[in-house]
Amino acid sequence: MKKLLSKILFLFVLANCFTQTEKAKALVPYYYFPQVKNLKKESLSIGNNAYQLLYFGQIKESLNLAKLAIKINKSDEKLWMILSDTQLANDLYKDALISLEKAEKINSTISEIHFAKSNIYLKQSDKENAKIALKTGLKIEPDNYRAIFQLGNIYLMQNKYSSSINFFEKVTKINPDFWQAINNVGLAYFEQNKINKSINSFEKAILINENAEPLLGLASCLSKRDINKALVLAKKALKKNPKYVEYDYRKEQLWGEKLQKATEILFQNEELLDDIKIAKSKINK
């Protein structure tokens, strides 16, 4: 009888244990742990959304999303590049460089990484490192004419006019219609006192694109030779882009001191006074 009671008690306890286990299972929530592939897809989606927010000017929100994408996936150089773009938009230059360096460690064969680094170095006024980064990128993508153009611009900033002209001419061999490079050859030649070559360059640029910059550059070149033509060109330039009335704006466009002086002298002509006033009023508006 005791043995029978013991067996019954054992079976009761065992059954109760199974019941409690089922109850416990019912209380524990079920979690889905995504696979690595799904996580990577999700991080890229978040990164793309961050880039879209950046495009629409929501720079803080884009930075937060880019950080989230990196937390999910630190092994994708594209995400580090997106993070760098959002950091750059938020003026976080050091952080942006660090992000690009991490992207470079993952894949150093992407030319855009080096070109992006050059852009940040320029914003920090570090021209030498900017040149190094551009040259590294150009070893990977030697026919990137925009990068070659930027390299020429840096040499122009450093008053190394012959070197800048060489790079600008390389640009036009790859893309003959890139008027900006032809225009900048004109800027460099003027600082070398090669006025005829400067005139020729500005005229070539105008044939491709009648932009305000080569128009005013040509006007300044001709101010001592043909003042009437110079005045017509200057008026047209100021109508197209009133910002060129300002010394600082022209400096941003890499105009050298000699061309700046020639332009300031041209602007003293009485026939341009009204045009200059109108240009300045448009800028203020």
C-alpha atoms as a PDB file:
ATOM      1  CA  MET A   1       0.000   0.000   0.000  1.00  0.00           C
ATOM      2  CA  LYS A   2       2.814   2.360   0.846  1.00  0.00           C
ATOM      3  CA  LYS A   3       4.530   1.526  -2.458  1.00  0.00           C
ATOM      4  CA  LEU A   4       1.321   2.242  -4.334  1.00  0.00           C
ATOM      5  CA  LEU A   5       0.868   5.565  -2.580  1.00  0.00           C
ATOM      6  CA  SER A   6       4.484   6.485  -3.331  1.00  0.00           C
ATOM      7  CA  LYS A   7       4.005   5.732  -7.041  1.00  0.00           C
ATOM      8  CA  ILE A   8       0.805   7.804  -7.155  1.00  0.00           C
ATOM      9  CA  LEU A   9       2.529  10.716  -5.390  1.00  0.00           C
ATOM     10  CA  PHE A  10       5.511  10.532  -7.803  1.00  0.00           C
ATOM     11  CA  LEU A  11       3.268  10.586 -10.873  1.00  0.00           C
ATOM     12  CA  PHE A  12       1.333  13.552  -9.429  1.00  0.00           C
ATOM     13  CA  VAL A  13       4.524  15.552  -8.842  1.00  0.00           C
ATOM     14  CA  LEU A  14       5.839  14.684 -12.305  1.00  0.00           C
ATOM     15  CA  ALA A  15       2.611  15.768 -13.967  1.00  0.00           C
ATOM     16  CA  ASN A  16       2.618  19.005 -11.983  1.00  0.00           C
ATOM     17  CA  CYS A  17       6.169  19.757 -13.160  1.00  0.00           C
ATOM     18  CA  PHE A  18       5.164  19.411 -16.811  1.00  0.00           C
ATOM     19  CA  THR A  19       2.198  21.708 -16.206  1.00  0.00           C
ATOM     20  CA  GLN A  20       4.400  24.368 -14.594  1.00  0.00           C
ATOM     21  CA  THR A  21       6.878  24.134 -17.474  1.00  0.00           C
ATOM     22  CA  GLU A  22       4.138  24.780 -20.022  1.00  0.00           C
ATOM     23  CA  LYS A  23       2.951  27.766 -17.965  1.00  0.00           C
ATOM     24  CA  ALA A  24       6.471  29.140 -17.813  1.00  0.00           C
ATOM     25  CA  LYS A  25       6.819  28.831 -21.588  1.00  0.00           C
ATOM     26  CA  ALA A  26       3.608  30.765 -22.005  1.00  0.00           C
ATOM     27  CA  LEU A  27       5.011  33.645 -19.951  1.00  0.00           C
ATOM     28  CA  VAL A  28       8.408  33.935 -21.703  1.00  0.00           C
ATOM     29  CA  PRO A  29       8.195  36.220 -24.834  1.00  0.00           C
ATOM     30  CA  TYR A  30       9.526  34.977 -28.173  1.00  0.00           C
ATOM     31  CA  TYR A  31      12.360  36.957 -29.721  1.00  0.00           C
ATOM     32  CA  TYR A  32      13.414  36.873 -33.379  1.00  0.00           C
ATOM     33  CA  PHE A  33      17.116  37.236 -33.928  1.00  0.00           C
ATOM     34  CA  PRO A  34      17.744  38.275 -37.544  1.00  0.00           C
ATOM     35  CA  GLN A  35      20.498  36.652 -39.548  1.00  0.00           C
ATOM     36  CA  VAL A  36      23.686  38.524 -40.470  1.00  0.00           C
ATOM     37  CA  LYS A  37      22.526  38.971 -44.083  1.00  0.00           C
ATOM     38  CA  ASN A  38      19.304  40.621 -42.951  1.00  0.00           C
ATOM     39  CA  LEU A  39      21.179  42.896 -40.563  1.00  0.00           C
ATOM     40  CA  LYS A  40      23.476  44.054 -43.368  1.00  0.00           C
ATOM     41  CA  LYS A  41      20.520  44.765 -45.641  1.00  0.00           C
ATOM     42  CA  GLU A  42      18.834  46.713 -42.869  1.00  0.00           C
ATOM     43  CA  SER A  43      21.974  48.754 -42.169  1.00  0.00           C
ATOM     44  CA  LEU A  44      22.301  49.669 -45.850  1.00  0.00           C
ATOM     45  CA  SER A  45      18.666  50.701 -45.935  1.00  0.00           C
ATOM     46  CA  ILE A  46      19.195  52.920 -42.890  1.00  0.00           C
ATOM     47  CA  GLY A  47      22.362  54.340 -44.461  1.00  0.00           C
ATOM     48  CA  ASN A  48      20.503  55.198 -47.666  1.00  0.00           C
ATOM     49  CA  ASN A  49      17.776  56.886 -45.635  1.00  0.00           C
ATOM     50  CA  ALA A  50      20.457  58.917 -43.845  1.00  0.00           C
ATOM     51  CA  TYR A  51      21.812  60.023 -47.212  1.00  0.00           C
ATOM     52  CA  GLN A  52      18.348  61.058 -48.373  1.00  0.00           C
ATOM     53  CA  LEU A  53      17.834  63.137 -45.232  1.00  0.00           C
ATOM     54  CA  LEU A  54      21.190  64.779 -45.872  1.00  0.00           C
ATOM     55  CA  TYR A  55      20.112  65.579 -49.431  1.00  0.00           C
ATOM     56  CA  PHE A  56      16.987  67.305 -48.109  1.00  0.00           C
ATOM     57  CA  GLY A  57      18.982  69.342 -45.593  1.00  0.00           C
ATOM     58  CA  GLN A  58      18.042  67.449 -42.421  1.00  0.00           C
ATOM     59  CA  ILE A  59      21.664  67.211 -41.345  1.00  0.00           C
ATOM     60  CA  LYS A  60      21.247  66.319 -37.667  1.00  0.00           C
ATOM     61  CA  GLU A  61      18.701  63.614 -38.384  1.00  0.00           C
ATOM     62  CA  SER A  62      20.899  62.194 -41.134  1.00  0.00           C
ATOM     63  CA  LEU A  63      23.867  62.042 -38.750  1.00  0.00           C
ATOM     64  CA  ASN A  64      21.842  60.110 -36.162  1.00  0.00           C
ATOM     65  CA  LEU A  65      20.645  57.600 -38.760  1.00  0.00           C
ATOM     66  CA  ALA A  66      24.159  57.137 -40.152  1.00  0.00           C
ATOM     67  CA  LYS A  67      25.459  56.422 -36.634  1.00  0.00           C
ATOM     68  CA  LEU A  68      22.720  53.831 -36.176  1.00  0.00           C
ATOM     69  CA  ALA A  69      23.632  52.133 -39.454  1.00  0.00           C
ATOM     70  CA  ILE A  70      27.270  51.889 -38.348  1.00  0.00           C
ATOM     71  CA  LYS A  71      26.266  50.390 -34.989  1.00  0.00           C
ATOM     72  CA  ILE A  72      24.483  47.627 -36.869  1.00  0.00           C
ATOM     73  CA  ASN A  73      27.242  47.038 -39.414  1.00  0.00           C
ATOM     74  CA  LYS A  74      30.809  48.315 -39.020  1.00  0.00           C
ATOM     75  CA  SER A  75      32.253  46.268 -41.862  1.00  0.00           C
ATOM     76  CA  ASP A  76      30.783  48.188 -44.808  1.00  0.00           C
ATOM     77  CA  GLU A  77      32.954  50.984 -46.194  1.00  0.00           C
ATOM     78  CA  LYS A  78      29.923  52.582 -47.865  1.00  0.00           C
ATOM     79  CA  LEU A  79      28.297  53.171 -44.487  1.00  0.00           C
ATOM     80  CA  TRP A  80      31.474  54.790 -43.168  1.00  0.00           C
ATOM     81  CA  MET A  81      31.496  57.056 -46.225  1.00  0.00           C
ATOM     82  CA  ILE A  82      27.865  58.019 -45.628  1.00  0.00           C
ATOM     83  CA  LEU A  83      28.653  58.706 -41.973  1.00  0.00           C
ATOM     84  CA  SER A  84      31.567  60.885 -43.075  1.00  0.00           C
ATOM     85  CA  ASP A  85      29.281  62.893 -45.377  1.00  0.00           C
ATOM     86  CA  THR A  86      26.806  63.519 -42.551  1.00  0.00           C
ATOM     87  CA  GLN A  87      29.613  64.475 -40.160  1.00  0.00           C
ATOM     88  CA  LEU A  88      31.035  66.870 -42.755  1.00  0.00           C
ATOM     89  CA  ALA A  89      27.610  68.479 -43.154  1.00  0.00           C
ATOM     90  CA  ASN A  90      27.579  69.025 -39.381  1.00  0.00           C
ATOM     91  CA  ASP A  91      31.094  70.592 -39.494  1.00  0.00           C
ATOM     92  CA  LEU A  92      32.613  67.606 -37.674  1.00  0.00           C
ATOM     93  CA  TYR A  93      35.744  67.551 -39.820  1.00  0.00           C
ATOM     94  CA  LYS A  94      37.932  65.414 -37.558  1.00  0.00           C
ATOM     95  CA  ASP A  95      35.190  62.834 -37.108  1.00  0.00           C
ATOM     96  CA  ALA A  96      34.592  62.796 -40.865  1.00  0.00           C
ATOM     97  CA  LEU A  97      38.272  62.069 -41.518  1.00  0.00           C
ATOM     98  CA  ILE A  98      38.274  59.264 -38.944  1.00  0.00           C
ATOM     99  CA  SER A  99      35.257  57.695 -40.662  1.00  0.00           C
ATOM    100  CA  LEU A 100      36.999  57.856 -44.043  1.00  0.00           C
ATOM    101  CA  GLU A 101      40.136  56.301 -42.584  1.00  0.00           C
ATOM    102  CA  LYS A 102      38.031  53.403 -41.301  1.00  0.00           C
ATOM    103  CA  ALA A 103      36.466  53.064 -44.753  1.00  0.00           C
ATOM    104  CA  GLU A 104      39.953  53.062 -46.266  1.00  0.00           C
ATOM    105  CA  LYS A 105      41.070  50.248 -43.947  1.00  0.00           C
ATOM    106  CA  ILE A 106      38.172  48.135 -45.196  1.00  0.00           C
ATOM    107  CA  ASN A 107      38.763  48.959 -48.877  1.00  0.00           C
ATOM    108  CA  SER A 108      41.577  51.264 -49.941  1.00  0.00           C
ATOM    109  CA  THR A 109      40.886  50.806 -53.663  1.00  0.00           C
ATOM    110  CA  ILE A 110      37.878  53.148 -53.727  1.00  0.00           C
ATOM    111  CA  SER A 111      39.005  56.438 -55.256  1.00  0.00           C
ATOM    112  CA  GLU A 112      36.047  58.372 -53.791  1.00  0.00           C
ATOM    113  CA  ILE A 113      37.390  57.809 -50.277  1.00  0.00           C
ATOM    114  CA  HIS A 114      40.622  59.631 -51.115  1.00  0.00           C
ATOM    115  CA  PHE A 115      38.840  62.406 -53.015  1.00  0.00           C
ATOM    116  CA  ALA A 116      36.513  62.915 -50.031  1.00  0.00           C
ATOM    117  CA  LYS A 117      39.514  63.121 -47.701  1.00  0.00           C
ATOM    118  CA  SER A 118      41.015  65.792 -49.942  1.00  0.00           C
ATOM    119  CA  ASN A 119      37.818  67.825 -49.701  1.00  0.00           C
ATOM    120  CA  ILE A 120      37.939  67.753 -45.896  1.00  0.00           C
ATOM    121  CA  TYR A 121      41.630  68.659 -45.825  1.00  0.00           C
ATOM    122  CA  LEU A 122      40.858  71.683 -47.995  1.00  0.00           C
ATOM    123  CA  LYS A 123      38.147  72.782 -45.578  1.00  0.00           C
ATOM    124  CA  GLN A 124      40.818  72.627 -42.878  1.00  0.00           C
ATOM    125  CA  SER A 125      43.203  74.663 -45.097  1.00  0.00           C
ATOM    126  CA  ASP A 126      45.581  71.699 -45.246  1.00  0.00           C
ATOM    127  CA  LYS A 127      46.569  71.936 -48.898  1.00  0.00           C
ATOM    128  CA  GLU A 128      49.506  69.520 -48.772  1.00  0.00           C
ATOM    129  CA  ASN A 129      47.478  66.626 -47.387  1.00  0.00           C
ATOM    130  CA  ALA A 130      44.695  67.537 -49.816  1.00  0.00           C
ATOM    131  CA  LYS A 131      47.145  67.111 -52.702  1.00  0.00           C
ATOM    132  CA  ILE A 132      48.400  63.788 -51.346  1.00  0.00           C
ATOM    133  CA  ALA A 133      44.843  62.457 -51.030  1.00  0.00           C
ATOM    134  CA  LEU A 134      43.956  63.577 -54.569  1.00  0.00           C
ATOM    135  CA  LYS A 135      47.074  62.008 -56.052  1.00  0.00           C
ATOM    136  CA  THR A 136      46.338  58.746 -54.210  1.00  0.00           C
ATOM    137  CA  GLY A 137      42.815  58.720 -55.617  1.00  0.00           C
ATOM    138  CA  LEU A 138      44.085  59.503 -59.114  1.00  0.00           C
ATOM    139  CA  LYS A 139      46.377  56.460 -59.013  1.00  0.00           C
ATOM    140  CA  ILE A 140      43.189  54.419 -58.743  1.00  0.00           C
ATOM    141  CA  GLU A 141      41.135  56.517 -61.167  1.00  0.00           C
ATOM    142  CA  PRO A 142      43.596  58.421 -63.370  1.00  0.00           C
ATOM    143  CA  ASP A 143      40.978  59.860 -65.753  1.00  0.00           C
ATOM    144  CA  ASN A 144      38.826  61.549 -63.115  1.00  0.00           C
ATOM    145  CA  TYR A 145      39.002  65.030 -64.633  1.00  0.00           C
ATOM    146  CA  ARG A 146      37.205  66.681 -61.722  1.00  0.00           C
ATOM    147  CA  ALA A 147      39.865  65.419 -59.307  1.00  0.00           C
ATOM    148  CA  ILE A 148      42.608  66.588 -61.684  1.00  0.00           C
ATOM    149  CA  PHE A 149      40.857  69.974 -61.877  1.00  0.00           C
ATOM    150  CA  GLN A 150      40.807  70.192 -58.075  1.00  0.00           C
ATOM    151  CA  LEU A 151      44.509  69.387 -57.980  1.00  0.00           C
ATOM    152  CA  GLY A 152      45.123  72.206 -60.438  1.00  0.00           C
ATOM    153  CA  ASN A 153      43.083  74.515 -58.222  1.00  0.00           C
ATOM    154  CA  ILE A 154      45.256  73.728 -55.202  1.00  0.00           C
ATOM    155  CA  TYR A 155      48.395  74.600 -57.151  1.00  0.00           C
ATOM    156  CA  LEU A 156      46.660  77.790 -58.273  1.00  0.00           C
ATOM    157  CA  MET A 157      45.937  78.644 -54.614  1.00  0.00           C
ATOM    158  CA  GLN A 158      49.632  78.137 -53.871  1.00  0.00           C
ATOM    159  CA  ASN A 159      50.621  80.485 -56.723  1.00  0.00           C
ATOM    160  CA  LYS A 160      52.304  77.589 -58.557  1.00  0.00           C
ATOM    161  CA  TYR A 161      50.928  78.726 -61.870  1.00  0.00           C
ATOM    162  CA  SER A 162      52.871  76.514 -64.278  1.00  0.00           C
ATOM    163  CA  SER A 163      51.902  73.368 -62.363  1.00  0.00           C
ATOM    164  CA  SER A 164      48.273  74.450 -62.193  1.00  0.00           C
ATOM    165  CA  ILE A 165      48.190  75.066 -65.954  1.00  0.00           C
ATOM    166  CA  ASN A 166      49.606  71.576 -66.589  1.00  0.00           C
ATOM    167  CA  PHE A 167      46.804  69.983 -64.597  1.00  0.00           C
ATOM    168  CA  PHE A 168      44.114  72.148 -66.201  1.00  0.00           C
ATOM    169  CA  GLU A 169      45.387  71.162 -69.642  1.00  0.00           C
ATOM    170  CA  LYS A 170      45.189  67.481 -68.624  1.00  0.00           C
ATOM    171  CA  VAL A 171      41.543  68.099 -67.765  1.00  0.00           C
ATOM    172  CA  THR A 172      40.770  69.525 -71.208  1.00  0.00           C
ATOM    173  CA  LYS A 173      42.437  66.553 -72.910  1.00  0.00           C
ATOM    174  CA  ILE A 174      39.976  64.259 -71.105  1.00  0.00           C
ATOM    175  CA  ASN A 175      36.998  66.626 -71.356  1.00  0.00           C
ATOM    176  CA  PRO A 176      37.494  69.394 -73.946  1.00  0.00           C
ATOM    177  CA  ASP A 177      34.170  71.027 -72.979  1.00  0.00           C
ATOM    178  CA  PHE A 178      35.040  71.519 -69.319  1.00  0.00           C
ATOM    179  CA  TRP A 179      35.115  75.307 -69.551  1.00  0.00           C
ATOM    180  CA  GLN A 180      36.037  75.775 -65.884  1.00  0.00           C
ATOM    181  CA  ALA A 181      39.522  74.353 -66.495  1.00  0.00           C
ATOM    182  CA  ILE A 182      40.009  76.559 -69.583  1.00  0.00           C
ATOM    183  CA  ASN A 183      38.858  79.564 -67.550  1.00  0.00           C
ATOM    184  CA  ASN A 184      41.323  78.787 -64.772  1.00  0.00           C
ATOM    185  CA  VAL A 185      44.147  78.554 -67.262  1.00  0.00           C
ATOM    186  CA  GLY A 186      43.264  82.175 -68.050  1.00  0.00           C
ATOM    187  CA  LEU A 187      43.469  83.049 -64.348  1.00  0.00           C
ATOM    188  CA  ALA A 188      46.928  81.487 -64.069  1.00  0.00           C
ATOM    189  CA  TYR A 189      48.294  83.095 -67.234  1.00  0.00           C
ATOM    190  CA  PHE A 190      47.196  86.563 -66.102  1.00  0.00           C
ATOM    191  CA  GLU A 191      49.210  86.209 -62.875  1.00  0.00           C
ATOM    192  CA  GLN A 192      52.215  85.283 -65.041  1.00  0.00           C
ATOM    193  CA  ASN A 193      51.688  88.509 -67.041  1.00  0.00           C
ATOM    194  CA  LYS A 194      50.914  86.419 -70.150  1.00  0.00           C
ATOM    195  CA  ILE A 195      47.918  88.554 -71.060  1.00  0.00           C
ATOM    196  CA  ASN A 196      47.525  87.340 -74.641  1.00  0.00           C
ATOM    197  CA  LYS A 197      47.353  83.711 -73.485  1.00  0.00           C
ATOM    198  CA  SER A 198      44.952  84.734 -70.757  1.00  0.00           C
ATOM    199  CA  ILE A 199      42.687  86.438 -73.312  1.00  0.00           C
ATOM    200  CA  ASN A 200      42.811  83.353 -75.528  1.00  0.00           C
ATOM    201  CA  SER A 201      41.792  81.094 -72.626  1.00  0.00           C
ATOM    202  CA  PHE A 202      38.881  83.283 -71.534  1.00  0.00           C
ATOM    203  CA  GLU A 203      37.627  83.505 -75.124  1.00  0.00           C
ATOM    204  CA  LYS A 204      37.735  79.709 -75.474  1.00  0.00           C
ATOM    205  CA  ALA A 205      35.812  79.294 -72.211  1.00  0.00           C
ATOM    206  CA  ILE A 206      33.143  81.771 -73.361  1.00  0.00           C
ATOM    207  CA  LEU A 207      32.633  79.841 -76.606  1.00  0.00           C
ATOM    208  CA  ILE A 208      31.709  76.784 -74.528  1.00  0.00           C
ATOM    209  CA  ASN A 209      29.741  78.599 -71.818  1.00  0.00           C
ATOM    210  CA  GLU A 210      29.065  82.332 -71.714  1.00  0.00           C
ATOM    211  CA  ASN A 211      29.538  82.354 -67.949  1.00  0.00           C
ATOM    212  CA  ALA A 212      30.035  85.505 -65.876  1.00  0.00           C
ATOM    213  CA  GLU A 213      33.540  84.515 -64.785  1.00  0.00           C
ATOM    214  CA  PRO A 214      35.310  84.321 -68.163  1.00  0.00           C
ATOM    215  CA  LEU A 215      33.275  87.317 -69.364  1.00  0.00           C
ATOM    216  CA  LEU A 216      34.588  89.487 -66.533  1.00  0.00           C
ATOM    217  CA  GLY A 217      38.047  87.962 -66.779  1.00  0.00           C
ATOM    218  CA  LEU A 218      38.205  88.875 -70.450  1.00  0.00           C
ATOM    219  CA  ALA A 219      36.854  92.352 -69.684  1.00  0.00           C
ATOM    220  CA  SER A 220      39.681  92.948 -67.207  1.00  0.00           C
ATOM    221  CA  CYS A 221      42.239  91.714 -69.746  1.00  0.00           C
ATOM    222  CA  LEU A 222      40.919  94.103 -72.379  1.00  0.00           C
ATOM    223  CA  SER A 223      40.453  97.139 -70.127  1.00  0.00           C
ATOM    224  CA  LYS A 224      43.707  98.725 -71.335  1.00  0.00           C
ATOM    225  CA  ARG A 225      43.361  97.616 -74.950  1.00  0.00           C
ATOM    226  CA  ASP A 226      39.707  98.024 -75.850  1.00  0.00           C
ATOM    227  CA  ILE A 227      37.749  99.761 -73.087  1.00  0.00           C
ATOM    228  CA  ASN A 228      34.460  99.782 -75.030  1.00  0.00           C
ATOM    229  CA  LYS A 229      34.489  96.023 -75.483  1.00  0.00           C
ATOM    230  CA  ALA A 230      35.634  95.595 -71.890  1.00  0.00           C
ATOM    231  CA  LEU A 231      32.660  97.615 -70.620  1.00  0.00           C
ATOM    232  CA  VAL A 232      30.183  95.573 -72.678  1.00  0.00           C
ATOM    233  CA  LEU A 233      31.648  92.320 -71.321  1.00  0.00           C
ATOM    234  CA  ALA A 234      31.676  93.599 -67.725  1.00  0.00           C
ATOM    235  CA  LYS A 235      28.036  94.712 -67.882  1.00  0.00           C
ATOM    236  CA  LYS A 236      27.013  91.322 -69.254  1.00  0.00           C
ATOM    237  CA  ALA A 237      29.001  89.518 -66.546  1.00  0.00           C
ATOM    238  CA  LEU A 238      27.403  91.479 -63.705  1.00  0.00           C
ATOM    239  CA  LYS A 239      23.929  90.811 -65.077  1.00  0.00           C
ATOM    240  CA  LYS A 240      24.616  87.085 -65.257  1.00  0.00           C
ATOM    241  CA  ASN A 241      26.100  86.880 -61.782  1.00  0.00           C
ATOM    242  CA  PRO A 242      26.054  90.003 -59.571  1.00  0.00           C
ATOM    243  CA  LYS A 243      28.287  88.297 -56.999  1.00  0.00           C
ATOM    244  CA  TYR A 244      31.317  88.986 -59.190  1.00  0.00           C
ATOM    245  CA  VAL A 245      31.082  92.626 -58.158  1.00  0.00           C
ATOM    246  CA  GLU A 246      32.571  91.582 -54.803  1.00  0.00           C
ATOM    247  CA  TYR A 247      36.313  91.206 -54.258  1.00  0.00           C
ATOM    248  CA  ASP A 248      35.881  88.392 -51.724  1.00  0.00           C
ATOM    249  CA  TYR A 249      33.650  86.378 -54.015  1.00  0.00           C
ATOM    250  CA  ARG A 250      36.193  86.596 -56.826  1.00  0.00           C
ATOM    251  CA  LYS A 251      38.868  85.517 -54.367  1.00  0.00           C
ATOM    252  CA  GLU A 252      36.788  82.441 -53.555  1.00  0.00           C
ATOM    253  CA  GLN A 253      36.854  81.687 -57.291  1.00  0.00           C
ATOM    254  CA  LEU A 254      40.686  81.757 -57.055  1.00  0.00           C
ATOM    255  CA  TRP A 255      41.294  85.098 -58.754  1.00  0.00           C
ATOM    256  CA  GLY A 256      44.867  86.262 -58.186  1.00  0.00           C
ATOM    257  CA  GLU A 257      45.923  89.674 -56.982  1.00  0.00           C
ATOM    258  CA  LYS A 258      46.928  91.002 -60.404  1.00  0.00           C
ATOM    259  CA  LEU A 259      43.581  90.178 -61.960  1.00  0.00           C
ATOM    260  CA  GLN A 260      41.794  91.542 -58.904  1.00  0.00           C
ATOM    261  CA  LYS A 261      43.582  94.875 -59.252  1.00  0.00           C
ATOM    262  CA  ALA A 262      42.793  95.072 -62.957  1.00  0.00           C
ATOM    263  CA  THR A 263      39.124  94.379 -62.212  1.00  0.00           C
ATOM    264  CA  GLU A 264      38.952  96.974 -59.439  1.00  0.00           C
ATOM    265  CA  ILE A 265      40.417  99.574 -61.813  1.00  0.00           C
ATOM    266  CA  LEU A 266      37.852  98.608 -64.454  1.00  0.00           C
ATOM    267  CA  PHE A 267      35.037  98.993 -61.927  1.00  0.00           C
ATOM    268  CA  GLN A 268      36.063 102.592 -61.338  1.00  0.00           C
ATOM    269  CA  ASN A 269      34.881 103.482 -64.839  1.00  0.00           C
ATOM    270  CA  GLU A 270      31.897 105.835 -64.632  1.00  0.00           C
ATOM    271  CA  GLU A 271      29.922 103.837 -67.187  1.00  0.00           C
ATOM    272  CA  LEU A 272      29.874 100.872 -64.804  1.00  0.00           C
ATOM    273  CA  LEU A 273      28.789 102.712 -61.656  1.00  0.00           C
ATOM    274  CA  ASP A 274      25.072 102.067 -62.170  1.00  0.00           C
ATOM    275  CA  ASP A 275      25.680  98.411 -63.044  1.00  0.00           C
ATOM    276  CA  ILE A 276      27.764  98.008 -59.905  1.00  0.00           C
ATOM    277  CA  LYS A 277      25.032  99.572 -57.744  1.00  0.00           C
ATOM    278  CA  ILE A 278      22.402  97.282 -59.243  1.00  0.00           C
ATOM    279  CA  ALA A 279      24.645  94.231 -58.744  1.00  0.00           C
ATOM    280  CA  LYS A 280      25.248  95.113 -55.095  1.00  0.00           C
ATOM    281  CA  SER A 281      21.530  95.702 -54.478  1.00  0.00           C
ATOM    282  CA  LYS A 282      20.743  92.258 -55.907  1.00  0.00           C
ATOM    283  CA  ILE A 283      23.278  90.664 -53.585  1.00  0.00           C
ATOM    284  CA  ASN A 284      21.782  92.440 -50.550  1.00  0.00           C
ATOM    285  CA  LYS A 285      18.311  91.263 -51.501  1.00  0.00           C
END
